[in-house]
């Protein structure tokens, strides 16, 4: 289960993936590799609010494919 209230230190791969899904829903891209873990946590917290009631069913199209291609490097960098 995704913990939307996870602290910076307690983010798991599930929260990192969800933060990337939020970035995809708002900006159409995965979180850039240059982001710090703190930045990823900020996306998880802040973009949740931005997506609330933003109900375009196509806004996440292509996310799973992009995540599969980019998850290894992202999890290596951000997962504790």
N, C-alpha and C. Protein backbone atom coordinates (compact mmCIF):
# COMPACT_ATOMS: atom_id res chain seq x y z
N UNK A 1 0.84 -1.17 0.00
CA UNK A 1 0.00 0.00 0.00
C UNK A 1 0.89 1.25 0.00
N UNK A 2 0.49 2.23 -0.73
CA UNK A 2 1.24 3.48 -0.82
C UNK A 2 0.92 4.33 0.41
N UNK A 3 1.98 4.82 1.04
CA UNK A 3 1.83 5.69 2.20
C UNK A 3 2.05 7.13 1.75
N UNK A 4 0.96 7.85 1.54
CA UNK A 4 1.05 9.23 1.06
C UNK A 4 1.59 10.17 2.14
N UNK A 5 1.64 9.72 3.36
CA UNK A 5 2.18 10.52 4.46
C UNK A 5 3.59 10.07 4.86
N UNK A 6 4.22 9.24 4.03
CA UNK A 6 5.55 8.72 4.35
C UNK A 6 6.53 9.86 4.55
N UNK A 7 7.37 9.70 5.55
CA UNK A 7 8.42 10.69 5.77
C UNK A 7 9.50 10.49 4.71
N UNK A 8 10.37 11.43 4.59
CA UNK A 8 11.48 11.36 3.65
C UNK A 8 12.27 10.07 3.87
N UNK A 9 12.53 9.72 5.11
CA UNK A 9 13.32 8.55 5.44
C UNK A 9 12.58 7.24 5.22
N UNK A 10 11.26 7.28 5.18
CA UNK A 10 10.47 6.05 5.08
C UNK A 10 9.86 5.81 3.70
N UNK A 11 10.27 6.57 2.70
CA UNK A 11 9.75 6.33 1.36
C UNK A 11 10.28 5.00 0.82
N UNK A 12 9.38 4.20 0.28
CA UNK A 12 9.76 2.92 -0.33
C UNK A 12 9.65 3.05 -1.85
N UNK A 13 9.92 1.96 -2.54
CA UNK A 13 9.79 1.97 -4.00
C UNK A 13 8.37 2.30 -4.43
N UNK A 14 7.39 1.96 -3.61
CA UNK A 14 5.98 2.26 -3.94
C UNK A 14 5.73 3.77 -3.95
N UNK A 15 6.26 4.46 -2.95
CA UNK A 15 6.07 5.92 -2.90
C UNK A 15 6.87 6.61 -4.01
N UNK A 16 8.04 6.09 -4.31
CA UNK A 16 8.85 6.67 -5.39
C UNK A 16 8.13 6.51 -6.72
N UNK A 17 7.57 5.33 -6.95
CA UNK A 17 6.81 5.11 -8.19
C UNK A 17 5.61 6.05 -8.25
N UNK A 18 4.91 6.20 -7.13
CA UNK A 18 3.72 7.06 -7.11
C UNK A 18 4.10 8.51 -7.36
N UNK A 19 5.22 8.96 -6.80
CA UNK A 19 5.69 10.33 -7.07
C UNK A 19 5.97 10.50 -8.56
N UNK A 20 6.56 9.50 -9.18
CA UNK A 20 6.81 9.56 -10.62
C UNK A 20 5.51 9.56 -11.41
N UNK A 21 4.53 8.80 -10.94
CA UNK A 21 3.21 8.79 -11.61
C UNK A 21 2.56 10.17 -11.51
N UNK A 22 2.70 10.82 -10.35
CA UNK A 22 2.17 12.17 -10.19
C UNK A 22 2.85 13.14 -11.15
N UNK A 23 4.18 13.07 -11.25
CA UNK A 23 4.92 13.93 -12.17
C UNK A 23 4.43 13.69 -13.60
N UNK A 24 4.23 12.41 -13.94
CA UNK A 24 3.74 12.07 -15.27
C UNK A 24 2.35 12.68 -15.51
N UNK A 25 1.49 12.61 -14.52
CA UNK A 25 0.13 13.15 -14.67
C UNK A 25 0.11 14.66 -14.83
N UNK A 26 1.06 15.37 -14.23
CA UNK A 26 1.11 16.83 -14.31
C UNK A 26 1.96 17.31 -15.49
N UNK A 27 3.16 16.73 -15.65
CA UNK A 27 4.11 17.24 -16.64
C UNK A 27 4.39 16.30 -17.81
N UNK A 28 3.86 15.07 -17.75
CA UNK A 28 4.05 14.14 -18.85
C UNK A 28 5.45 13.55 -18.93
N UNK A 29 6.15 13.49 -17.79
CA UNK A 29 7.50 12.91 -17.77
C UNK A 29 7.76 12.31 -16.40
N UNK A 30 8.75 11.43 -16.35
CA UNK A 30 9.20 10.90 -15.07
C UNK A 30 10.01 11.97 -14.36
N UNK A 31 10.20 11.80 -13.06
CA UNK A 31 11.01 12.75 -12.29
C UNK A 31 12.44 12.71 -12.82
N UNK A 32 13.03 13.85 -13.11
CA UNK A 32 14.41 13.87 -13.62
C UNK A 32 15.39 13.25 -12.63
N UNK A 33 16.39 12.57 -13.16
CA UNK A 33 17.40 11.91 -12.34
C UNK A 33 18.12 12.89 -11.42
N UNK A 34 18.25 14.14 -11.81
CA UNK A 34 18.94 15.14 -11.01
C UNK A 34 18.23 15.55 -9.74
N UNK A 35 16.98 15.14 -9.56
CA UNK A 35 16.24 15.48 -8.35
C UNK A 35 16.84 14.74 -7.15
N UNK A 36 16.84 15.37 -6.01
CA UNK A 36 17.28 14.73 -4.77
C UNK A 36 16.12 13.92 -4.20
N UNK A 37 16.41 13.10 -3.20
CA UNK A 37 15.36 12.35 -2.51
C UNK A 37 14.35 13.31 -1.88
N UNK A 38 14.85 14.41 -1.37
CA UNK A 38 13.96 15.43 -0.79
C UNK A 38 13.02 16.00 -1.85
N UNK A 39 13.53 16.23 -3.06
CA UNK A 39 12.69 16.72 -4.16
C UNK A 39 11.60 15.70 -4.51
N UNK A 40 11.98 14.42 -4.56
CA UNK A 40 11.01 13.36 -4.87
C UNK A 40 9.91 13.33 -3.81
N UNK A 41 10.31 13.47 -2.55
CA UNK A 41 9.33 13.52 -1.46
C UNK A 41 8.41 14.73 -1.64
N UNK A 42 8.95 15.84 -2.06
CA UNK A 42 8.15 17.04 -2.31
C UNK A 42 7.14 16.83 -3.42
N UNK A 43 7.54 16.09 -4.45
CA UNK A 43 6.60 15.77 -5.54
C UNK A 43 5.46 14.91 -4.99
N UNK A 44 5.79 13.90 -4.20
CA UNK A 44 4.76 13.03 -3.63
C UNK A 44 3.76 13.85 -2.81
N UNK A 45 4.24 14.78 -2.02
CA UNK A 45 3.37 15.58 -1.16
C UNK A 45 2.63 16.67 -1.94
N UNK A 46 3.32 17.41 -2.77
CA UNK A 46 2.74 18.56 -3.44
C UNK A 46 1.88 18.24 -4.66
N UNK A 47 2.30 17.25 -5.44
CA UNK A 47 1.55 16.95 -6.65
C UNK A 47 0.26 16.21 -6.34
N UNK A 48 0.18 15.55 -5.19
CA UNK A 48 -1.08 14.93 -4.78
C UNK A 48 -2.18 15.99 -4.76
N UNK A 49 -1.86 17.13 -4.19
CA UNK A 49 -2.83 18.23 -4.11
C UNK A 49 -3.17 18.77 -5.49
N UNK A 50 -2.18 18.84 -6.37
CA UNK A 50 -2.41 19.35 -7.71
C UNK A 50 -3.29 18.43 -8.54
N UNK A 51 -3.20 17.13 -8.28
CA UNK A 51 -3.98 16.16 -9.05
C UNK A 51 -5.39 15.95 -8.51
N UNK A 52 -5.65 16.42 -7.30
CA UNK A 52 -6.97 16.24 -6.71
C UNK A 52 -8.03 16.85 -7.62
N UNK A 53 -9.00 16.07 -8.02
CA UNK A 53 -10.11 16.47 -8.91
C UNK A 53 -9.65 16.79 -10.33
N UNK A 54 -8.42 16.53 -10.66
CA UNK A 54 -7.94 16.66 -12.03
C UNK A 54 -8.15 15.30 -12.68
N UNK A 55 -9.31 15.10 -13.26
CA UNK A 55 -9.77 13.75 -13.62
C UNK A 55 -9.72 13.45 -15.11
N UNK A 56 -8.65 13.80 -15.79
CA UNK A 56 -8.50 13.44 -17.19
C UNK A 56 -8.05 11.98 -17.27
N UNK A 57 -8.90 11.11 -17.78
CA UNK A 57 -8.55 9.69 -17.77
C UNK A 57 -7.30 9.35 -18.58
N UNK A 58 -6.91 10.17 -19.52
CA UNK A 58 -5.75 9.88 -20.35
C UNK A 58 -4.44 10.46 -19.83
N UNK A 59 -4.47 11.14 -18.69
CA UNK A 59 -3.27 11.83 -18.24
C UNK A 59 -2.15 10.88 -17.81
N UNK A 60 -2.48 9.61 -17.56
CA UNK A 60 -1.45 8.66 -17.16
C UNK A 60 -1.09 7.67 -18.26
N UNK A 61 -1.62 7.90 -19.46
CA UNK A 61 -1.29 7.03 -20.58
C UNK A 61 0.22 7.02 -20.81
N UNK A 62 0.77 5.84 -20.93
CA UNK A 62 2.20 5.68 -21.21
C UNK A 62 3.07 5.63 -19.97
N UNK A 63 2.49 5.89 -18.79
CA UNK A 63 3.32 5.91 -17.59
C UNK A 63 3.97 4.57 -17.29
N UNK A 64 3.20 3.50 -17.29
CA UNK A 64 3.75 2.19 -16.91
C UNK A 64 4.91 1.79 -17.81
N UNK A 65 4.81 2.06 -19.10
CA UNK A 65 5.89 1.74 -20.02
C UNK A 65 7.14 2.58 -19.71
N UNK A 66 6.93 3.87 -19.48
CA UNK A 66 8.05 4.75 -19.15
C UNK A 66 8.69 4.35 -17.82
N UNK A 67 7.86 3.99 -16.84
CA UNK A 67 8.37 3.58 -15.53
C UNK A 67 9.22 2.32 -15.66
N UNK A 68 8.76 1.35 -16.42
CA UNK A 68 9.53 0.12 -16.60
C UNK A 68 10.90 0.41 -17.20
N UNK A 69 10.97 1.37 -18.10
CA UNK A 69 12.26 1.72 -18.72
C UNK A 69 13.16 2.50 -17.77
N UNK A 70 12.58 3.33 -16.91
CA UNK A 70 13.39 4.22 -16.10
C UNK A 70 13.48 3.90 -14.62
N UNK A 71 12.80 2.83 -14.16
CA UNK A 71 12.72 2.61 -12.72
C UNK A 71 14.03 2.16 -12.09
N UNK A 72 14.82 1.37 -12.79
CA UNK A 72 16.03 0.82 -12.19
C UNK A 72 16.97 1.92 -11.71
N UNK A 73 17.25 2.88 -12.55
CA UNK A 73 18.17 3.97 -12.19
C UNK A 73 17.56 4.87 -11.11
N UNK A 74 16.26 5.08 -11.18
CA UNK A 74 15.60 5.95 -10.19
C UNK A 74 15.54 5.30 -8.81
N UNK A 75 15.19 4.04 -8.76
CA UNK A 75 15.14 3.36 -7.47
C UNK A 75 16.54 3.24 -6.86
N UNK A 76 17.53 3.01 -7.70
CA UNK A 76 18.92 2.93 -7.20
C UNK A 76 19.33 4.25 -6.56
N UNK A 77 18.90 5.36 -7.13
CA UNK A 77 19.29 6.66 -6.61
C UNK A 77 18.50 7.06 -5.36
N UNK A 78 17.20 6.82 -5.35
CA UNK A 78 16.32 7.39 -4.32
C UNK A 78 15.87 6.43 -3.24
N UNK A 79 15.91 5.12 -3.48
CA UNK A 79 15.40 4.18 -2.47
C UNK A 79 16.44 3.98 -1.39
N UNK A 80 16.01 3.98 -0.15
CA UNK A 80 16.91 3.79 1.01
C UNK A 80 17.20 2.32 1.21
